[in-house]
Protein backbone atom coordinates (compact mmCIF):
# COMPACT_ATOMS: atom_id res chain seq x y z
CA MET A 1 -52.30 25.67 -72.51
CA ALA A 2 -51.31 23.36 -69.65
CA CYS A 3 -47.79 21.98 -69.90
CA PRO A 4 -47.60 18.49 -71.48
CA SER A 5 -46.57 16.87 -68.18
CA VAL A 6 -49.64 18.14 -66.32
CA GLY A 7 -51.96 17.36 -69.24
CA SER A 8 -50.62 13.83 -69.52
CA PHE A 9 -50.97 13.26 -65.76
CA LEU A 10 -54.61 14.25 -66.10
CA SER A 11 -55.04 11.85 -69.01
CA ILE A 12 -53.84 8.99 -66.80
CA HIS A 13 -56.29 10.10 -64.09
CA ASN A 14 -59.05 10.11 -66.71
CA MET A 15 -58.05 6.64 -67.88
CA CYS A 16 -58.51 5.37 -64.31
CA GLY A 17 -61.95 6.97 -64.19
CA GLY A 18 -62.85 5.30 -67.47
CA MET A 19 -61.90 1.88 -66.08
CA ILE A 20 -64.02 2.37 -62.96
CA ASP A 21 -66.93 3.66 -65.03
CA LYS A 22 -66.81 0.80 -67.53
CA PHE A 23 -65.94 -2.15 -65.32
CA GLY A 24 -66.56 -1.15 -61.69
CA SER A 25 -69.61 -1.92 -59.58
CA ASP A 26 -72.34 0.64 -58.95
CA ASP A 27 -70.91 1.20 -55.48
CA LEU A 28 -67.40 1.86 -56.82
CA ARG A 29 -68.71 4.27 -59.44
CA ALA A 30 -70.73 6.16 -56.82
CA LYS A 31 -67.78 6.28 -54.43
CA TRP A 32 -65.04 7.40 -56.82
CA LEU A 33 -66.34 9.02 -59.99
CA PRO A 34 -67.97 12.23 -58.66
CA LYS A 35 -64.83 13.31 -56.80
CA MET A 36 -62.57 12.18 -59.62
CA CYS A 37 -64.52 14.28 -62.11
CA SER A 38 -64.26 17.34 -59.85
CA MET A 39 -60.54 16.61 -59.25
CA GLU A 40 -61.12 16.45 -55.49
CA THR A 41 -59.68 12.95 -55.77
CA VAL A 42 -56.71 12.03 -57.97
CA VAL A 43 -56.07 8.39 -58.94
CA SER A 44 -52.97 6.75 -60.41
CA TYR A 45 -52.70 3.78 -62.78
CA CYS A 46 -50.35 1.02 -61.55
CA LEU A 47 -49.41 -1.52 -64.21
CA THR A 48 -45.66 -1.25 -64.96
CA GLU A 49 -43.20 -3.11 -62.72
CA PRO A 50 -39.40 -2.90 -62.43
CA GLY A 51 -38.90 -6.24 -64.17
CA SER A 52 -41.82 -6.20 -66.60
CA GLY A 53 -42.09 -2.94 -68.47
CA SER A 54 -43.28 -3.66 -72.00
CA ASP A 55 -44.19 -7.24 -71.04
CA ALA A 56 -47.06 -6.13 -68.82
CA ALA A 57 -48.58 -9.61 -68.66
CA ALA A 58 -45.49 -10.80 -66.75
CA LEU A 59 -46.28 -8.64 -63.71
CA ARG A 60 -45.54 -10.24 -60.34
CA THR A 61 -47.34 -8.08 -57.76
CA ARG A 62 -49.59 -10.57 -55.99
CA ALA A 63 -52.89 -10.11 -54.18
CA GLN A 64 -53.63 -12.95 -51.81
CA ARG A 65 -57.29 -13.28 -50.89
CA THR A 66 -57.88 -13.46 -47.13
CA ASN A 67 -60.86 -13.25 -44.82
CA GLU A 68 -60.28 -9.49 -44.59
CA GLY A 69 -59.82 -8.76 -48.29
CA TYR A 70 -56.79 -8.79 -50.63
CA SER A 71 -53.27 -8.64 -49.23
CA LEU A 72 -50.92 -7.12 -51.84
CA THR A 73 -47.18 -7.65 -52.06
CA GLY A 74 -44.98 -6.25 -54.82
CA ASN A 75 -43.73 -3.09 -56.52
CA LYS A 76 -44.90 -0.83 -59.34
CA ALA A 77 -42.48 1.42 -61.21
CA PHE A 78 -42.66 4.77 -63.02
CA ILE A 79 -46.06 5.55 -61.51
CA SER A 80 -47.38 9.00 -62.36
CA GLY A 81 -48.58 10.56 -59.13
CA GLY A 82 -46.80 8.02 -56.95
CA GLY A 83 -46.85 9.41 -53.41
CA TYR A 84 -49.23 12.20 -54.45
CA SER A 85 -52.47 10.52 -55.52
CA ASP A 86 -55.41 9.71 -53.30
CA ALA A 87 -55.80 6.17 -54.63
CA TYR A 88 -54.11 3.67 -56.93
CA ILE A 89 -55.69 1.33 -59.47
CA VAL A 90 -53.45 -1.73 -59.25
CA MET A 91 -53.12 -4.61 -61.68
CA CYS A 92 -52.10 -7.61 -59.57
CA ARG A 93 -51.92 -11.36 -59.75
CA THR A 94 -54.74 -13.22 -57.99
CA GLY A 95 -54.41 -16.44 -59.99
CA ASP A 96 -51.93 -18.28 -62.20
CA ASP A 97 -49.02 -16.83 -64.16
CA SER A 98 -51.04 -16.20 -67.33
CA PRO A 99 -52.81 -12.95 -68.27
CA LYS A 100 -56.01 -14.62 -67.00
CA GLY A 101 -54.53 -14.64 -63.50
CA ILE A 102 -54.52 -10.84 -63.26
CA SER A 103 -57.14 -8.75 -61.44
CA THR A 104 -57.61 -5.04 -60.76
CA VAL A 105 -58.09 -3.54 -57.30
CA ILE A 106 -58.16 -0.05 -55.82
CA VAL A 107 -55.80 0.80 -52.96
CA GLU A 108 -56.45 4.02 -51.08
CA ASP A 109 -53.69 6.32 -49.91
CA GLY A 110 -52.86 5.83 -46.25
CA THR A 111 -53.53 2.08 -46.34
CA LYS A 112 -51.19 0.18 -44.04
CA GLY A 113 -48.44 -1.51 -46.06
CA LEU A 114 -48.58 1.07 -48.87
CA SER A 115 -45.35 3.06 -49.32
CA PHE A 116 -43.45 4.92 -52.02
CA GLY A 117 -39.94 5.17 -53.39
CA VAL A 118 -38.06 8.43 -53.71
CA ARG A 119 -39.32 10.84 -56.36
CA GLU A 120 -37.64 10.01 -59.66
CA ARG A 121 -35.24 12.57 -61.17
CA LYS A 122 -36.34 12.88 -64.78
CA MET A 123 -35.38 14.53 -68.04
CA GLY A 124 -38.83 16.07 -68.41
CA TRP A 125 -42.29 16.03 -66.80
CA LEU A 126 -40.77 17.89 -63.86
CA ASN A 127 -44.15 19.24 -62.71
CA GLN A 128 -45.47 15.71 -62.24
CA PRO A 129 -44.27 13.42 -59.43
CA THR A 130 -43.16 9.95 -60.49
CA ALA A 131 -42.20 7.24 -58.01
CA GLN A 132 -42.31 3.53 -57.26
CA VAL A 133 -45.43 2.34 -55.46
CA GLN A 134 -44.71 -0.46 -52.98
CA PHE A 135 -47.01 -2.97 -51.32
CA ASP A 136 -45.96 -4.92 -48.22
CA ASP A 137 -48.88 -7.05 -47.00
CA CYS A 138 -51.06 -4.13 -48.01
CA LEU A 139 -54.69 -4.93 -47.28
CA THR A 140 -57.57 -3.65 -49.40
CA SER A 141 -61.23 -4.63 -49.17
CA THR A 142 -62.80 -7.08 -51.62
CA ASP A 143 -65.27 -4.26 -52.31
CA ASN A 144 -62.36 -2.53 -54.07
CA LEU A 145 -62.14 -5.23 -56.74
CA VAL A 146 -62.83 -3.67 -60.14
CA GLY A 147 -65.05 -5.98 -62.18
CA GLU A 148 -64.27 -9.69 -61.94
CA GLU A 149 -61.23 -11.61 -60.77
CA GLY A 150 -59.06 -12.71 -63.67
CA LYS A 151 -60.24 -9.91 -65.99
CA GLY A 152 -57.73 -7.30 -64.87
CA PHE A 153 -55.38 -7.61 -67.83
CA THR A 154 -58.28 -7.22 -70.25
CA TYR A 155 -59.41 -4.12 -68.35
CA ALA A 156 -55.88 -2.69 -68.37
CA MET A 157 -55.48 -3.19 -72.12
CA ALA A 158 -58.91 -1.68 -72.81
CA GLY A 159 -57.96 1.35 -70.73
CA LEU A 160 -54.71 1.72 -72.63
CA ASP A 161 -56.47 2.31 -75.96
CA GLY A 162 -57.96 5.52 -74.61
CA GLY A 163 -54.80 6.33 -72.71
CA ARG A 164 -52.76 6.15 -75.89
CA LEU A 165 -55.05 8.65 -77.56
CA ASN A 166 -54.81 10.96 -74.53
CA ILE A 167 -51.02 10.79 -74.58
CA SER A 168 -51.10 11.53 -78.31
CA ALA A 169 -53.38 14.51 -77.81
CA GLY A 170 -51.06 15.91 -75.14
CA ALA A 171 -48.08 15.50 -77.46
CA LEU A 172 -49.95 17.19 -80.29
CA GLY A 173 -50.83 20.14 -78.06
CA GLY A 174 -47.22 20.53 -76.98
CA ALA A 175 -45.96 20.47 -80.58
CA GLN A 176 -48.59 23.01 -81.64
CA ALA A 177 -47.50 25.31 -78.81
CA ALA A 178 -43.89 24.99 -79.98
CA LEU A 179 -44.86 25.86 -83.55
CA ASP A 180 -46.92 28.85 -82.39
CA LYS A 181 -43.94 30.16 -80.39
CA THR A 182 -41.66 29.60 -83.37
CA LEU A 183 -43.85 31.60 -85.75
CA ILE A 184 -43.77 34.55 -83.36
CA TYR A 185 -40.01 34.27 -82.83
CA MET A 186 -39.25 34.06 -86.55
CA GLY A 187 -41.26 37.20 -87.21
CA GLU A 188 -39.20 39.10 -84.64
CA ARG A 189 -35.72 37.68 -85.23
CA LYS A 190 -33.71 39.61 -87.80
CA ALA A 191 -30.84 38.28 -89.92
CA PHE A 192 -29.21 39.81 -92.98
CA GLY A 193 -31.56 42.77 -92.86
CA LYS A 194 -34.93 40.97 -92.66
CA SER A 195 -36.95 38.76 -90.35
CA ILE A 196 -36.01 35.12 -90.71
CA ASP A 197 -39.57 34.11 -91.62
CA GLN A 198 -38.90 35.75 -95.00
CA PHE A 199 -36.28 33.18 -95.98
CA GLN A 200 -37.78 30.66 -98.39
CA ALA A 201 -35.83 27.69 -96.99
CA LEU A 202 -37.23 28.36 -93.51
CA GLN A 203 -40.73 28.85 -94.90
CA PHE A 204 -40.45 25.37 -96.42
CA ARG A 205 -39.63 23.97 -92.96
CA LEU A 206 -42.61 25.73 -91.44
CA ALA A 207 -44.84 24.34 -94.19
CA ASP A 208 -43.61 20.80 -93.54
CA MET A 209 -44.25 21.10 -89.80
CA GLU A 210 -47.75 22.47 -90.30
CA THR A 211 -48.56 19.67 -92.77
CA GLU A 212 -47.22 16.98 -90.41
CA LEU A 213 -49.21 18.31 -87.45
CA GLN A 214 -52.42 18.50 -89.47
CA ALA A 215 -51.92 14.92 -90.70
CA ALA A 216 -51.31 13.77 -87.11
CA ARG A 217 -54.41 15.62 -85.90
CA ILE A 218 -56.66 14.01 -88.52
CA PHE A 219 -55.23 10.54 -87.82
CA LEU A 220 -55.77 11.00 -84.07
CA ARG A 221 -59.40 11.99 -84.61
CA GLN A 222 -59.96 8.97 -86.85
CA ALA A 223 -58.57 6.64 -84.16
CA ALA A 224 -60.76 8.33 -81.54
CA TRP A 225 -63.79 7.84 -83.77
CA LYS A 226 -62.93 4.15 -84.11
CA LEU A 227 -62.66 3.77 -80.33
CA ASP A 228 -65.88 5.69 -79.64
CA ASN A 229 -67.76 3.49 -82.10
CA GLN A 230 -66.17 0.25 -80.83
CA ALA A 231 -64.81 -0.63 -84.26
CA ALA A 232 -63.21 -4.06 -84.52
CA ASP A 233 -59.89 -2.51 -85.52
CA ALA A 234 -59.92 0.27 -82.89
CA THR A 235 -56.93 -1.13 -80.98
CA LYS A 236 -54.83 -1.19 -84.14
CA TYR A 237 -55.77 2.39 -84.97
CA CYS A 238 -55.05 3.58 -81.43
CA ALA A 239 -51.61 1.98 -81.63
CA MET A 240 -50.92 3.48 -85.07
CA ALA A 241 -52.07 6.91 -83.95
CA LYS A 242 -50.00 6.79 -80.78
CA ARG A 243 -46.87 5.86 -82.73
CA PHE A 244 -47.40 8.36 -85.52
CA VAL A 245 -48.62 11.33 -83.46
CA THR A 246 -45.99 11.13 -80.71
CA ASP A 247 -43.13 10.64 -83.18
CA THR A 248 -44.40 13.54 -85.28
CA ALA A 249 -44.94 15.81 -82.27
CA PHE A 250 -41.44 15.25 -80.94
CA LYS A 251 -39.89 15.85 -84.36
CA VAL A 252 -41.83 19.11 -84.83
CA ALA A 253 -40.91 20.37 -81.37
CA ASN A 254 -37.26 19.48 -81.93
CA ASP A 255 -37.29 21.27 -85.30
CA CYS A 256 -38.84 24.31 -83.60
CA LEU A 257 -35.93 24.34 -81.17
CA GLN A 258 -33.54 24.28 -84.12
CA LEU A 259 -35.27 27.25 -85.75
CA HIS A 260 -34.76 29.23 -82.54
CA GLY A 261 -31.02 28.66 -82.88
CA GLY A 262 -29.06 29.02 -79.65
CA TYR A 263 -32.03 30.72 -77.99
CA GLY A 264 -34.06 27.54 -78.35
CA TYR A 265 -31.64 25.83 -75.97
CA LEU A 266 -32.31 28.39 -73.26
CA ALA A 267 -35.08 27.91 -70.70
CA ASP A 268 -36.32 31.49 -71.21
CA TYR A 269 -37.98 30.66 -74.54
CA GLY A 270 -39.90 27.57 -73.37
CA ILE A 271 -39.03 25.36 -76.33
CA GLU A 272 -36.45 23.19 -74.60
CA LYS A 273 -39.02 22.30 -71.93
CA ILE A 274 -41.53 21.15 -74.54
CA VAL A 275 -38.86 19.02 -76.23
CA ARG A 276 -37.91 17.40 -72.91
CA ASP A 277 -41.53 16.79 -71.94
CA LEU A 278 -42.56 15.32 -75.30
CA ARG A 279 -39.71 12.82 -75.49
CA VAL A 280 -41.33 10.49 -72.96
CA HIS A 281 -44.59 10.37 -74.93
CA GLN A 282 -42.82 7.95 -77.28
CA ILE A 283 -42.38 5.61 -74.29
CA LEU A 284 -45.57 6.08 -72.22
CA GLU A 285 -48.60 3.78 -72.50
CA GLY A 286 -46.49 1.25 -74.39
CA THR A 287 -43.32 2.17 -76.25
CA ASN A 288 -43.62 3.01 -79.92
CA GLU A 289 -41.82 -0.24 -80.67
CA ILE A 290 -44.66 -2.09 -78.93
CA MET A 291 -47.14 -0.04 -80.99
CA ARG A 292 -45.47 -1.38 -84.13
CA LEU A 293 -45.74 -4.90 -82.73
CA ILE A 294 -49.48 -4.45 -82.09
CA VAL A 295 -50.04 -3.12 -85.61
CA GLY A 296 -47.95 -5.86 -87.23
CA ARG A 297 -49.80 -8.61 -85.40
CA ALA A 298 -53.14 -7.05 -86.29
CA LEU A 299 -52.17 -6.98 -89.97
CA LEU A 300 -51.22 -10.66 -89.91
CA ALA A 301 -54.47 -11.55 -88.12
CA GLU A 302 -56.47 -9.66 -90.74
CA ARG A 303 -54.69 -11.58 -93.47
CA GLY A 304 -55.86 -14.81 -91.83
């Protein structure tokens, strides 16, 4: 299984492809999608800014329309693939300060005025480069506008529903890998004359972890079904699944580390890496606090 950091990077790449496929022109789809699908071209998603993390609608990166195209000025933070990707899907302000003033454009690597901050030093996701993406009078063609001006925030939020499920799936895979490693370890580790998987108290912990992962897996599939079928409450279910699955996955991985004892803290056994990598899944694609906010607001709207 690919490590969670690589898998999650690919999920962001896939989210960009989904936005181009759903909202881009025929020319944009023809230009980008074939090479994105073959991984010849890697694309990053640029929404978050240094001063507007969870409040994405407050972004300040501006794209001024000129005779030559859009001139971008601003900064994006915590960008997966920053300085590595071949292109960047950028949410930027082309109009007023409301969400309706935001558009989405594609900026290709090597464009004049495009630069990157130093690679971030992180707790986990060490296989995946993360950096600020900076625009200084960075010019991109009007042909690189995704969809319509003023619809960028809507496109970004629509893309996040799928992105949240992808992040959840990556977290689930990491937790399952941790549990699989733990079952093998407990069958080999001896204490008090028998393997530790023969102790009833530890069997109970294994049973709880298996139950929690199965519940998370079923919930994730239900949310994916809602999104595939364009259910009216799909966004709420994607938010609930992202919160529940990533919290559950991190807890299971952390419990697996505990069952390894001191060995779980060592790099040789691979559990500490999974724990470090999965921690950020509770922050990515909207923090789990924001997921609760989305669900709470949806509940109140349903009440009327």
